[in-house]
C-alpha atoms as a PDB file:
ATOM      1  CA  MET A   1     -81.257  12.799   5.927  1.00  0.00           C
ATOM      2  CA  ALA A   2     -79.231  13.854   2.990  1.00  0.00           C
ATOM      3  CA  ASP A   3     -79.139  11.777  -0.111  1.00  0.00           C
ATOM      4  CA  SER A   4     -75.848  10.006  -0.195  1.00  0.00           C
ATOM      5  CA  LYS A   5     -74.959   8.979  -3.733  1.00  0.00           C
ATOM      6  CA  PRO A   6     -71.635   7.399  -4.538  1.00  0.00           C
ATOM      7  CA  LEU A   7     -69.359   9.674  -6.557  1.00  0.00           C
ATOM      8  CA  PRO A   8     -68.289   8.611 -10.038  1.00  0.00           C
ATOM      9  CA  ALA A   9     -64.874   6.901 -10.203  1.00  0.00           C
ATOM     10  CA  ASP A  10     -63.234   9.718 -12.164  1.00  0.00           C
ATOM     11  CA  ASP A  11     -64.238  12.362  -9.581  1.00  0.00           C
ATOM     12  CA  ALA A  12     -60.957  13.027  -7.748  1.00  0.00           C
ATOM     13  CA  ARG A  13     -61.391  14.767  -4.437  1.00  0.00           C
ATOM     14  CA  PRO A  14     -58.424  16.017  -2.394  1.00  0.00           C
ATOM     15  CA  GLY A  15     -57.862  13.799   0.584  1.00  0.00           C
ATOM     16  CA  ALA A  16     -60.224  11.115  -0.655  1.00  0.00           C
ATOM     17  CA  ALA A  17     -58.965   7.622   0.045  1.00  0.00           C
ATOM     18  CA  SER A  18     -58.641   5.426  -2.996  1.00  0.00           C
ATOM     19  CA  GLU A  19     -59.993   1.957  -2.958  1.00  0.00           C
ATOM     20  CA  PRO A  20     -57.550  -0.925  -3.184  1.00  0.00           C
ATOM     21  CA  GLY A  21     -57.146  -2.086  -6.742  1.00  0.00           C
ATOM     22  CA  ALA A  22     -58.519   1.160  -8.152  1.00  0.00           C
ATOM     23  CA  ALA A  23     -56.603   2.632 -11.082  1.00  0.00           C
ATOM     24  CA  THR A  24     -54.421   5.618 -10.210  1.00  0.00           C
ATOM     25  CA  PRO A  25     -55.034   8.782 -12.162  1.00  0.00           C
ATOM     26  CA  PRO A  26     -52.488   9.540 -14.914  1.00  0.00           C
ATOM     27  CA  ILE A  27     -51.304  12.666 -13.079  1.00  0.00           C
ATOM     28  CA  THR A  28     -50.318  10.551 -10.060  1.00  0.00           C
ATOM     29  CA  ASP A  29     -48.363   8.161 -12.272  1.00  0.00           C
ATOM     30  CA  ALA A  30     -46.614  11.067 -13.980  1.00  0.00           C
ATOM     31  CA  PHE A  31     -45.771  12.688 -10.658  1.00  0.00           C
ATOM     32  CA  SER A  32     -44.473   9.404  -9.237  1.00  0.00           C
ATOM     33  CA  GLY A  33     -42.296   8.873 -12.308  1.00  0.00           C
ATOM     34  CA  LEU A  34     -40.974  12.406 -12.103  1.00  0.00           C
ATOM     35  CA  LEU A  35     -40.220  12.029  -8.396  1.00  0.00           C
ATOM     36  CA  ARG A  36     -38.374   8.731  -9.005  1.00  0.00           C
ATOM     37  CA  SER A  37     -36.385  10.353 -11.800  1.00  0.00           C
ATOM     38  CA  VAL A  38     -35.434  13.330  -9.625  1.00  0.00           C
ATOM     39  CA  MET A  39     -34.453  11.054  -6.725  1.00  0.00           C
ATOM     40  CA  THR A  40     -32.338   8.830  -8.989  1.00  0.00           C
ATOM     41  CA  ARG A  41     -30.597  11.781 -10.566  1.00  0.00           C
ATOM     42  CA  SER A  42     -30.032  13.421  -7.171  1.00  0.00           C
ATOM     43  CA  ARG A  43     -28.505  10.226  -5.790  1.00  0.00           C
ATOM     44  CA  THR A  44     -26.272   9.926  -8.871  1.00  0.00           C
ATOM     45  CA  GLU A  45     -25.130  13.544  -8.565  1.00  0.00           C
ATOM     46  CA  VAL A  46     -24.425  13.206  -4.839  1.00  0.00           C
ATOM     47  CA  GLU A  47     -22.376  10.050  -5.471  1.00  0.00           C
ATOM     48  CA  ARG A  48     -20.470  11.776  -8.285  1.00  0.00           C
ATOM     49  CA  PHE A  49     -19.815  14.816  -6.091  1.00  0.00           C
ATOM     50  CA  ALA A  50     -18.601  12.597  -3.236  1.00  0.00           C
ATOM     51  CA  ALA A  51     -16.236  10.698  -5.538  1.00  0.00           C
ATOM     52  CA  ASP A  52     -14.937  13.955  -7.010  1.00  0.00           C
ATOM     53  CA  SER A  53     -14.414  15.370  -3.512  1.00  0.00           C
ATOM     54  CA  ARG A  54     -12.457  12.279  -2.447  1.00  0.00           C
ATOM     55  CA  VAL A  55     -10.170  12.641  -5.480  1.00  0.00           C
ATOM     56  CA  ARG A  56      -9.653  16.353  -4.804  1.00  0.00           C
ATOM     57  CA  LEU A  57      -8.871  15.631  -1.146  1.00  0.00           C
ATOM     58  CA  GLU A  58      -6.351  12.951  -2.127  1.00  0.00           C
ATOM     59  CA  LEU A  59      -4.745  15.332  -4.651  1.00  0.00           C
ATOM     60  CA  ARG A  60      -4.485  18.087  -2.023  1.00  0.00           C
ATOM     61  CA  GLN A  61      -2.889  15.656   0.430  1.00  0.00           C
ATOM     62  CA  LEU A  62      -0.414  14.398  -2.193  1.00  0.00           C
ATOM     63  CA  ARG A  63       0.617  17.969  -3.001  1.00  0.00           C
ATOM     64  CA  LYS A  64       1.014  18.719   0.702  1.00  0.00           C
ATOM     65  CA  ASP A  65       3.162  15.596   1.136  1.00  0.00           C
ATOM     66  CA  ARG A  66       5.297  16.609  -1.856  1.00  0.00           C
ATOM     67  CA  ALA A  67       5.799  20.117  -0.446  1.00  0.00           C
ATOM     68  CA  ALA A  68       6.832  18.607   2.893  1.00  0.00           C
ATOM     69  CA  MET A  69       9.341  16.357   1.128  1.00  0.00           C
ATOM     70  CA  TYR A  70      10.789  19.338  -0.764  1.00  0.00           C
ATOM     71  CA  ALA A  71      11.147  21.201   2.547  1.00  0.00           C
ATOM     72  CA  LYS A  72      12.861  18.206   4.137  1.00  0.00           C
ATOM     73  CA  LEU A  73      15.135  17.780   1.121  1.00  0.00           C
ATOM     74  CA  GLY A  74      16.022  21.469   1.230  1.00  0.00           C
ATOM     75  CA  LYS A  75      16.934  21.258   4.899  1.00  0.00           C
ATOM     76  CA  GLU A  76      19.104  18.203   4.236  1.00  0.00           C
ATOM     77  CA  VAL A  77      20.880  19.958   1.353  1.00  0.00           C
ATOM     78  CA  ARG A  78      21.447  23.011   3.552  1.00  0.00           C
ATOM     79  CA  ALA A  79      22.946  20.813   6.284  1.00  0.00           C
ATOM     80  CA  LEU A  80      25.196  19.068   3.738  1.00  0.00           C
ATOM     81  CA  LEU A  81      26.380  22.409   2.302  1.00  0.00           C
ATOM     82  CA  GLU A  82      27.067  23.845   5.744  1.00  0.00           C
ATOM     83  CA  ALA A  83      28.973  20.679   6.719  1.00  0.00           C
ATOM     84  CA  GLY A  84      31.075  20.932   3.549  1.00  0.00           C
ATOM     85  CA  GLU A  85      29.931  17.513   2.309  1.00  0.00           C
ATOM     86  CA  LEU A  86      28.286  18.987  -0.777  1.00  0.00           C
ATOM     87  CA  GLU A  87      29.363  21.813  -3.040  1.00  0.00           C
ATOM     88  CA  HIS A  88      27.341  23.371  -5.828  1.00  0.00           C
ATOM     89  CA  PRO A  89      27.213  27.080  -6.704  1.00  0.00           C
ATOM     90  CA  GLY A  90      23.457  27.140  -7.351  1.00  0.00           C
ATOM     91  CA  LEU A  91      22.683  25.354  -4.112  1.00  0.00           C
ATOM     92  CA  ARG A  92      25.098  27.614  -2.231  1.00  0.00           C
ATOM     93  CA  ARG A  93      23.250  30.708  -3.577  1.00  0.00           C
ATOM     94  CA  GLY A  94      19.926  29.223  -2.474  1.00  0.00           C
ATOM     95  CA  VAL A  95      21.210  28.567   1.045  1.00  0.00           C
ATOM     96  CA  GLU A  96      22.635  32.108   1.214  1.00  0.00           C
ATOM     97  CA  ARG A  97      19.245  33.495   0.144  1.00  0.00           C
ATOM     98  CA  ILE A  98      17.546  31.478   2.896  1.00  0.00           C
ATOM     99  CA  ALA A  99      20.066  32.841   5.414  1.00  0.00           C
ATOM    100  CA  GLU A 100      19.233  36.394   4.266  1.00  0.00           C
ATOM    101  CA  LEU A 101      15.517  35.675   4.675  1.00  0.00           C
ATOM    102  CA  ASP A 102      16.134  34.234   8.157  1.00  0.00           C
ATOM    103  CA  ALA A 103      18.004  37.409   9.134  1.00  0.00           C
ATOM    104  CA  ARG A 104      15.159  39.590   7.833  1.00  0.00           C
ATOM    105  CA  ILE A 105      12.656  37.469   9.745  1.00  0.00           C
ATOM    106  CA  GLU A 106      14.630  37.934  12.950  1.00  0.00           C
ATOM    107  CA  ARG A 107      14.914  41.724  12.442  1.00  0.00           C
ATOM    108  CA  THR A 108      11.204  42.038  11.645  1.00  0.00           C
ATOM    109  CA  ALA A 109      10.206  39.780  14.544  1.00  0.00           C
ATOM    110  CA  ALA A 110      12.229  41.999  16.908  1.00  0.00           C
ATOM    111  CA  GLN A 111      10.031  44.950  15.884  1.00  0.00           C
ATOM    112  CA  VAL A 112       6.825  43.100  16.769  1.00  0.00           C
ATOM    113  CA  GLY A 113       5.668  42.244  20.260  1.00  0.00           C
ATOM    114  CA  PRO A 114       5.461  38.625  21.423  1.00  0.00           C
ATOM    115  CA  GLU A 115       1.627  38.690  21.368  1.00  0.00           C
ATOM    116  CA  ALA A 116       1.579  39.596  17.667  1.00  0.00           C
ATOM    117  CA  LEU A 117       4.099  36.844  16.905  1.00  0.00           C
ATOM    118  CA  ALA A 118       2.038  34.283  18.807  1.00  0.00           C
ATOM    119  CA  SER A 119      -1.048  35.328  16.858  1.00  0.00           C
ATOM    120  CA  ALA A 120       0.834  35.170  13.547  1.00  0.00           C
ATOM    121  CA  ALA A 121       2.178  31.704  14.437  1.00  0.00           C
ATOM    122  CA  ALA A 122      -1.337  30.525  15.217  1.00  0.00           C
ATOM    123  CA  ASP A 123      -2.425  31.767  11.778  1.00  0.00           C
ATOM    124  CA  GLY A 124       0.549  30.036  10.136  1.00  0.00           C
ATOM    125  CA  ALA A 125       2.118  33.329   9.047  1.00  0.00           C
ATOM    126  CA  VAL A 126       5.371  32.686  10.955  1.00  0.00           C
ATOM    127  CA  ASP A 127       7.127  29.640  12.324  1.00  0.00           C
ATOM    128  CA  SER A 128       6.645  28.928  16.008  1.00  0.00           C
ATOM    129  CA  LYS A 129      10.460  28.874  16.345  1.00  0.00           C
ATOM    130  CA  ASP A 130      10.441  32.635  15.631  1.00  0.00           C
ATOM    131  CA  ILE A 131       8.640  33.225  18.928  1.00  0.00           C
ATOM    132  CA  ASP A 132      11.145  33.694  21.745  1.00  0.00           C
END
């Protein structure tokens, strides 16, 4: 039988189980502290990134809502100008420019097949009303 002597307490073997109440080696304490620090910082950074993303999403949505309101306002102004209820030279020029763009869209759409228009509408490149 082999002599079985107990190992000294400061002999650290990989995979050796530590006894309850035994002091942990300084390297283990340092590693644990480092791991806690990394986890805390990671959690903080993830929370900060999430908060920043929420603010950016809200800002994007607000800008989208504003653009939609400008579009709606423009359509209302156009309807008022065409009905003769509103008269302003600058607004009239803007409505005339939109009419020119509409005519160009119609001419260009006539040159393209319906499949290409459907694809462009799906991509948001043209309005679905341009597909006939």
